[in-house]
Amino acid sequence: MTDQEPAIEIETAPDPEFAVILMHGLGADANDFVPLVPELRLQDGPAVRFVFPNASAIPVTANNGYVMRAWYDILSFEGINRRVDEAGIEASCAAIRRLIAQQNERGIPSERVFLAGFSQGGAMTYTAGFTHPDRLAGLIVLSGYVPSQGLIDAGFSEANRDTPVFAAHGTFDDVLPIRLGEEARDFARSKGSPLDWSTYPMPHSVCIEEIEALRAWLSARLAEAS
């Protein structure tokens, strides 16, 4: 992520008390999940600032070096544990921490910041979330996976051991097979995470039922923290 590319911001009401930093998937951009905000129908709850950052455009090795927006390079799509550029993951984690710090400076403490992401953005949510030194409000992982268990093991934060997690995956996902989501679920739970897991008969995408479940989960978290 480059600091020269400002994130898109949408607030459900003035003077937001909470923030959701939502990371797009491989090859997409910050605009990808902007339509999710009205679909969540959060207007009657506490004000929320949604922040949609852009990953940098880099060559992705597993896609024949094609340049696209990516949070880190993927070296190989083969096997259940994809080969990834761990240095790239760490650099993006640092960028996400800067975004969290920006929200802190604007009056929203870390314990009221949610990290969220789809696909590779969900992979970043797991990694940045479980290694963030300060307590976060929650993690939202849509069709994601854990790209490197070793990175999380090395930097695991006790502050986020019991941070609530919403994770969902499509049973017909042929981009990130559901076994990757299940492996991430089991890894998170092995760390003590109170992870809510749902599956839907969909490909590598989101569906109305998933959005409704996320709305209920997020509304409950906002109410608990208000």
Protein backbone atom coordinates (compact mmCIF):
# COMPACT_ATOMS: atom_id res chain seq x y z
CA MET A 1 0.00 0.00 0.00
CA THR A 2 1.35 3.42 -0.87
CA ASP A 3 0.76 6.48 1.26
CA GLN A 4 0.32 8.52 -1.93
CA GLU A 5 -2.97 6.78 -2.68
CA PRO A 6 -5.56 7.97 -0.16
CA ALA A 7 -8.14 5.54 1.05
CA ILE A 8 -11.83 5.98 0.27
CA GLU A 9 -13.84 6.94 3.35
CA ILE A 10 -17.59 6.68 3.94
CA GLU A 11 -19.26 7.63 7.22
CA THR A 12 -22.70 6.32 8.19
CA ALA A 13 -23.28 9.51 10.23
CA PRO A 14 -21.24 12.50 11.43
CA ASP A 15 -18.67 12.14 14.23
CA PRO A 16 -18.09 8.39 13.91
CA GLU A 17 -17.37 6.42 17.07
CA PHE A 18 -16.11 3.31 15.26
CA ALA A 19 -14.05 2.52 12.17
CA VAL A 20 -13.99 -0.45 9.79
CA ILE A 21 -10.84 -0.76 7.66
CA LEU A 22 -11.81 -3.05 4.76
CA MET A 23 -9.14 -4.47 2.44
CA HIS A 24 -9.96 -5.53 -1.11
CA GLY A 25 -8.94 -8.76 -2.80
CA LEU A 26 -6.14 -9.52 -5.26
CA GLY A 27 -6.45 -7.45 -8.43
CA ALA A 28 -9.34 -5.31 -7.14
CA ASP A 29 -9.14 -1.82 -5.65
CA ALA A 30 -10.58 0.37 -2.91
CA ASN A 31 -13.89 0.81 -4.76
CA ASP A 32 -14.69 -2.89 -4.73
CA PHE A 33 -16.60 -3.05 -1.44
CA VAL A 34 -17.92 0.51 -1.23
CA PRO A 35 -21.45 -0.76 -2.16
CA LEU A 36 -21.40 -2.92 0.99
CA VAL A 37 -21.90 0.11 3.26
CA PRO A 38 -25.56 0.86 2.41
CA GLU A 39 -26.33 -2.87 2.27
CA LEU A 40 -25.31 -3.23 5.93
CA ARG A 41 -27.99 -0.70 6.97
CA LEU A 42 -26.14 0.61 10.02
CA GLN A 43 -27.72 4.07 10.03
CA ASP A 44 -29.72 3.46 13.21
CA GLY A 45 -26.70 2.43 15.26
CA PRO A 46 -23.51 4.23 16.32
CA ALA A 47 -21.78 6.21 13.56
CA VAL A 48 -19.13 4.21 11.70
CA ARG A 49 -16.34 5.36 9.39
CA PHE A 50 -15.57 2.81 6.66
CA VAL A 51 -12.04 3.08 5.30
CA PHE A 52 -11.19 1.37 1.99
CA PRO A 53 -7.42 1.44 1.30
CA ASN A 54 -5.69 0.57 -1.97
CA ALA A 55 -2.95 -2.03 -2.14
CA SER A 56 0.05 -1.17 -4.30
CA ALA A 57 0.26 -2.44 -7.88
CA ILE A 58 2.99 -5.09 -7.99
CA PRO A 59 3.96 -8.02 -10.24
CA VAL A 60 2.31 -11.19 -8.94
CA THR A 61 4.57 -14.16 -9.60
CA ALA A 62 1.83 -16.80 -9.62
CA ASN A 63 -0.07 -14.75 -12.23
CA ASN A 64 2.89 -14.78 -14.64
CA GLY A 65 4.23 -11.53 -13.25
CA TYR A 66 1.12 -9.57 -14.23
CA VAL A 67 1.03 -6.22 -12.42
CA MET A 68 -2.05 -5.82 -10.25
CA ARG A 69 -3.02 -4.46 -6.88
CA ALA A 70 -1.90 -6.92 -4.23
CA TRP A 71 -1.15 -6.81 -0.52
CA TYR A 72 1.74 -9.23 -1.11
CA ASP A 73 3.19 -11.37 -3.86
CA ILE A 74 1.93 -14.93 -4.27
CA LEU A 75 4.70 -17.20 -5.46
CA SER A 76 2.58 -20.29 -6.11
CA PHE A 77 -1.10 -21.24 -6.01
CA GLU A 78 -0.27 -24.92 -5.56
CA GLY A 79 -1.15 -26.84 -2.42
CA ILE A 80 -3.22 -25.96 0.61
CA ASN A 81 -0.51 -23.64 1.94
CA ARG A 82 0.18 -21.15 -0.82
CA ARG A 83 3.75 -19.90 -1.13
CA VAL A 84 3.77 -16.20 -0.35
CA ASP A 85 6.16 -13.29 0.06
CA GLU A 86 6.28 -12.91 3.84
CA ALA A 87 8.24 -9.63 3.63
CA GLY A 88 5.42 -8.21 1.53
CA ILE A 89 2.87 -9.33 4.13
CA GLU A 90 4.86 -7.64 6.88
CA ALA A 91 5.09 -4.41 4.87
CA SER A 92 1.32 -4.37 4.34
CA CYS A 93 0.77 -5.10 8.04
CA ALA A 94 2.83 -2.01 8.81
CA ALA A 95 0.70 0.02 6.41
CA ILE A 96 -2.49 -1.22 8.07
CA ARG A 97 -1.09 -0.28 11.47
CA ARG A 98 -0.53 3.24 10.14
CA LEU A 99 -4.18 3.38 9.11
CA ILE A 100 -5.22 2.26 12.58
CA ALA A 101 -2.97 4.93 14.09
CA GLN A 102 -4.61 7.54 11.87
CA GLN A 103 -8.01 6.55 13.24
CA ASN A 104 -6.59 6.80 16.77
CA GLU A 105 -5.35 10.31 16.02
CA ARG A 106 -8.84 11.24 14.80
CA GLY A 107 -10.45 10.13 18.04
CA ILE A 108 -11.31 6.46 17.42
CA PRO A 109 -9.32 4.17 19.76
CA SER A 110 -8.03 0.80 18.58
CA GLU A 111 -10.65 -1.07 20.60
CA ARG A 112 -13.26 0.54 18.35
CA VAL A 113 -11.50 -0.29 15.07
CA PHE A 114 -12.52 -3.37 13.07
CA LEU A 115 -10.24 -4.91 10.45
CA ALA A 116 -12.02 -6.52 7.51
CA GLY A 117 -11.14 -7.97 4.14
CA PHE A 118 -12.15 -10.15 1.23
CA SER A 119 -9.90 -12.90 -0.19
CA GLN A 120 -6.30 -11.63 0.03
CA GLY A 121 -7.69 -8.76 2.10
CA GLY A 122 -9.09 -11.39 4.46
CA ALA A 123 -5.65 -12.97 4.67
CA MET A 124 -4.31 -9.58 5.71
CA THR A 125 -7.10 -9.24 8.27
CA TYR A 126 -6.07 -12.45 10.00
CA THR A 127 -2.38 -11.54 9.93
CA ALA A 128 -2.56 -7.85 10.85
CA GLY A 129 -5.35 -8.48 13.34
CA PHE A 130 -3.75 -11.28 15.33
CA THR A 131 -0.39 -9.47 15.46
CA HIS A 132 -1.64 -5.96 16.28
CA PRO A 133 -0.25 -4.91 19.67
CA ASP A 134 -3.42 -3.15 20.82
CA ARG A 135 -6.89 -4.61 21.31
CA LEU A 136 -9.14 -4.32 18.25
CA ALA A 137 -12.95 -4.32 18.11
CA GLY A 138 -13.17 -7.32 15.79
CA LEU A 139 -12.00 -9.04 12.62
CA ILE A 140 -14.15 -9.71 9.54
CA VAL A 141 -12.84 -12.27 7.05
CA LEU A 142 -14.81 -12.86 3.86
CA SER A 143 -13.53 -15.81 1.78
CA GLY A 144 -10.06 -15.45 3.28
CA TYR A 145 -7.25 -17.65 4.56
CA VAL A 146 -4.11 -17.54 6.69
CA PRO A 147 -1.16 -16.96 4.32
CA SER A 148 1.57 -17.74 6.88
CA GLN A 149 0.90 -19.36 10.22
CA GLY A 150 4.54 -18.77 11.09
CA LEU A 151 4.22 -14.99 10.85
CA ILE A 152 1.22 -15.01 13.16
CA ASP A 153 2.91 -17.40 15.59
CA ALA A 154 5.98 -15.15 15.71
CA GLY A 155 4.07 -11.93 16.29
CA PHE A 156 0.90 -13.13 18.00
CA SER A 157 -0.67 -10.49 20.23
CA GLU A 158 -2.24 -11.52 23.52
CA ALA A 159 -4.31 -8.33 23.28
CA ASN A 160 -6.30 -9.89 20.42
CA ARG A 161 -6.49 -13.52 21.56
CA ASP A 162 -10.22 -13.23 22.31
CA THR A 163 -11.09 -10.52 19.79
CA PRO A 164 -14.36 -11.55 18.07
CA VAL A 165 -14.03 -12.81 14.50
CA PHE A 166 -16.66 -13.16 11.78
CA ALA A 167 -15.49 -15.54 9.05
CA ALA A 168 -17.46 -16.82 6.07
CA HIS A 169 -16.67 -18.79 2.92
CA GLY A 170 -18.35 -20.16 -0.19
CA THR A 171 -18.67 -23.93 -0.53
CA PHE A 172 -18.23 -23.60 -4.31
CA ASP A 173 -15.17 -21.32 -4.14
CA ASP A 174 -12.73 -22.41 -6.87
CA VAL A 175 -10.30 -19.53 -6.28
CA LEU A 176 -9.72 -20.08 -2.56
CA PRO A 177 -11.07 -23.59 -1.89
CA ILE A 178 -13.11 -23.86 1.28
CA ARG A 179 -10.45 -26.09 2.87
CA LEU A 180 -8.23 -22.98 3.06
CA GLY A 181 -10.97 -21.16 4.95
CA GLU A 182 -11.49 -24.13 7.23
CA GLU A 183 -7.77 -24.38 7.94
CA ALA A 184 -7.72 -20.67 8.85
CA ARG A 185 -10.79 -21.15 11.06
CA ASP A 186 -9.17 -24.03 12.91
CA PHE A 187 -5.88 -22.15 13.29
CA ALA A 188 -7.67 -19.10 14.72
CA ARG A 189 -9.65 -21.23 17.15
CA SER A 190 -6.47 -23.00 18.24
CA LYS A 191 -5.24 -19.58 19.35
CA GLY A 192 -8.35 -19.13 21.50
CA SER A 193 -10.27 -16.97 19.04
CA PRO A 194 -14.07 -16.88 19.50
CA LEU A 195 -14.58 -17.18 15.76
CA ASP A 196 -18.08 -17.27 14.23
CA TRP A 197 -17.96 -19.40 11.07
CA SER A 198 -20.55 -19.61 8.28
CA THR A 199 -20.58 -21.15 4.81
CA TYR A 200 -22.78 -20.34 1.84
CA PRO A 201 -23.46 -22.13 -1.48
CA MET A 202 -21.58 -19.54 -3.52
CA PRO A 203 -18.34 -19.16 -5.52
CA HIS A 204 -15.55 -16.68 -4.66
CA SER A 205 -17.92 -13.82 -3.92
CA VAL A 206 -20.37 -12.53 -1.33
CA CYS A 207 -24.11 -13.16 -1.12
CA ILE A 208 -27.15 -11.50 0.45
CA GLU A 209 -27.41 -14.09 3.23
CA GLU A 210 -23.77 -13.50 4.16
CA ILE A 211 -24.27 -9.73 4.24
CA GLU A 212 -27.32 -10.14 6.48
CA ALA A 213 -25.34 -12.35 8.86
CA LEU A 214 -22.50 -9.81 8.89
CA ARG A 215 -24.96 -6.97 9.56
CA ALA A 216 -26.35 -8.84 12.60
CA TRP A 217 -22.87 -9.68 13.89
CA LEU A 218 -21.49 -6.17 13.40
CA SER A 219 -24.58 -4.50 14.88
CA ALA A 220 -24.22 -6.68 17.97
CA ARG A 221 -20.54 -5.79 18.37
CA LEU A 222 -21.29 -2.09 17.98
CA ALA A 223 -24.06 -2.29 20.57
CA GLU A 224 -21.83 -4.13 23.04
CA ALA A 225 -19.10 -1.50 22.76
CA SER A 226 -21.36 1.56 22.87
